[in-house]
Amino acid sequence: MTRSFPSSAPAADAAAVPAAPPAAVPPRRSRKLPRRYAPIAFAFFMSGIMAFLMCCVIVAANTGFGPGYLLRVLGSYALAMPVAFCCVLGVRPLVMRLVAATVRP
């Protein structure tokens, strides 16, 4: 049994119709920050994730996983996140020097 495949050649009447020009699409603005803000973005995400994880652990260790656990975590996170962000921004130069002294170039 042989199989027949459709021809990849265009239909005869399709060649007679000119192709429409592509629609002009306005350039899309990038929603990304400029590269010079990378250290601040890194500090924001690092402090946010670490502060949340630490709040989860510390609240569970102090008060347990009882009712209102998530509310207590969020309450402590409201204080911990700004403090952690400032700390990460402050210790970044020290950490960069420590890494440079520890790792081969």
Protein backbone atom coordinates (compact mmCIF):
# COMPACT_ATOMS: atom_id res chain seq x y z
CA MET A 1 0.00 0.00 0.00
CA THR A 2 1.41 3.36 -0.96
CA ARG A 3 0.72 6.60 0.83
CA SER A 4 0.27 9.83 -1.02
CA PHE A 5 1.40 13.03 0.63
CA PRO A 6 -0.02 16.42 -0.22
CA SER A 7 2.17 18.44 -2.51
CA SER A 8 4.22 21.16 -0.89
CA ALA A 9 3.92 23.30 -4.00
CA PRO A 10 1.52 26.25 -3.69
CA ALA A 11 -1.80 26.11 -5.42
CA ALA A 12 -1.94 27.69 -8.84
CA ASP A 13 -4.42 30.40 -7.80
CA ALA A 14 -2.33 31.33 -4.73
CA ALA A 15 0.49 32.57 -6.96
CA ALA A 16 -1.85 35.10 -8.56
CA VAL A 17 -2.71 36.80 -5.25
CA PRO A 18 0.04 39.12 -3.97
CA ALA A 19 1.09 38.59 -0.39
CA ALA A 20 -0.04 41.25 2.05
CA PRO A 21 2.78 43.25 3.64
CA PRO A 22 3.39 42.40 7.29
CA ALA A 23 1.49 44.60 9.70
CA ALA A 24 3.59 47.24 11.38
CA VAL A 25 3.96 46.27 15.02
CA PRO A 26 5.08 49.03 17.37
CA PRO A 27 8.25 48.18 19.28
CA ARG A 28 7.49 46.72 22.69
CA ARG A 29 8.97 48.48 25.69
CA SER A 30 11.09 46.32 27.91
CA ARG A 31 9.87 45.92 31.47
CA LYS A 32 13.32 44.96 32.70
CA LEU A 33 15.52 47.18 34.82
CA PRO A 34 18.77 48.56 33.41
CA ARG A 35 21.88 46.52 34.22
CA ARG A 36 23.16 49.12 36.69
CA TYR A 37 20.33 48.18 39.07
CA ALA A 38 21.35 44.49 39.20
CA PRO A 39 22.93 44.70 42.70
CA ILE A 40 19.78 46.32 44.10
CA ALA A 41 17.50 43.78 42.39
CA PHE A 42 19.69 40.96 43.71
CA ALA A 43 19.52 42.38 47.24
CA PHE A 44 15.74 42.77 47.00
CA PHE A 45 15.08 39.19 45.90
CA MET A 46 17.72 37.64 48.15
CA SER A 47 16.49 39.47 51.23
CA GLY A 48 12.85 38.81 50.40
CA ILE A 49 13.29 35.07 50.01
CA MET A 50 15.66 34.64 52.93
CA ALA A 51 13.60 36.80 55.30
CA PHE A 52 10.44 34.85 54.45
CA LEU A 53 12.10 31.47 54.96
CA MET A 54 13.67 32.58 58.24
CA CYS A 55 10.35 33.99 59.47
CA CYS A 56 8.65 30.68 58.68
CA VAL A 57 11.26 28.72 60.64
CA ILE A 58 11.54 31.09 63.61
CA VAL A 59 7.77 31.50 64.04
CA ALA A 60 7.33 27.73 63.88
CA ALA A 61 10.11 27.20 66.43
CA ASN A 62 8.71 29.80 68.83
CA THR A 63 4.94 29.30 68.56
CA GLY A 64 4.40 26.14 66.53
CA PHE A 65 2.20 25.51 63.52
CA GLY A 66 -1.04 26.27 65.33
CA PRO A 67 -3.92 28.45 64.23
CA GLY A 68 -2.81 31.84 62.93
CA TYR A 69 0.64 30.60 61.91
CA LEU A 70 0.59 32.28 58.50
CA LEU A 71 -0.66 35.54 60.01
CA ARG A 72 2.19 35.51 62.55
CA VAL A 73 4.70 34.77 59.78
CA LEU A 74 3.43 37.67 57.68
CA GLY A 75 3.53 39.99 60.70
CA SER A 76 7.15 39.14 61.41
CA TYR A 77 8.00 39.32 57.70
CA ALA A 78 6.75 42.92 57.56
CA LEU A 79 9.54 43.83 59.98
CA ALA A 80 12.19 41.39 58.76
CA MET A 81 12.10 42.18 55.02
CA PRO A 82 13.19 45.85 55.18
CA VAL A 83 15.86 45.01 57.76
CA ALA A 84 17.17 42.14 55.64
CA PHE A 85 17.20 44.33 52.51
CA CYS A 86 19.29 47.00 54.24
CA CYS A 87 21.62 44.36 55.64
CA VAL A 88 22.18 42.72 52.25
CA LEU A 89 22.92 46.11 50.68
CA GLY A 90 25.27 46.97 53.54
CA VAL A 91 27.29 43.76 53.67
CA ARG A 92 27.52 43.27 49.88
CA PRO A 93 30.89 45.07 49.55
CA LEU A 94 32.36 43.01 52.40
CA VAL A 95 31.06 39.77 50.91
CA MET A 96 32.46 40.69 47.49
CA ARG A 97 35.92 41.25 49.05
CA LEU A 98 35.69 37.98 50.97
CA VAL A 99 34.76 36.08 47.81
CA ALA A 100 37.57 37.75 45.87
CA ALA A 101 40.03 36.73 48.59
CA THR A 102 38.73 33.16 48.60
CA VAL A 103 38.25 32.35 44.92
CA ARG A 104 40.90 32.26 42.19
CA PRO A 105 40.41 34.84 39.42
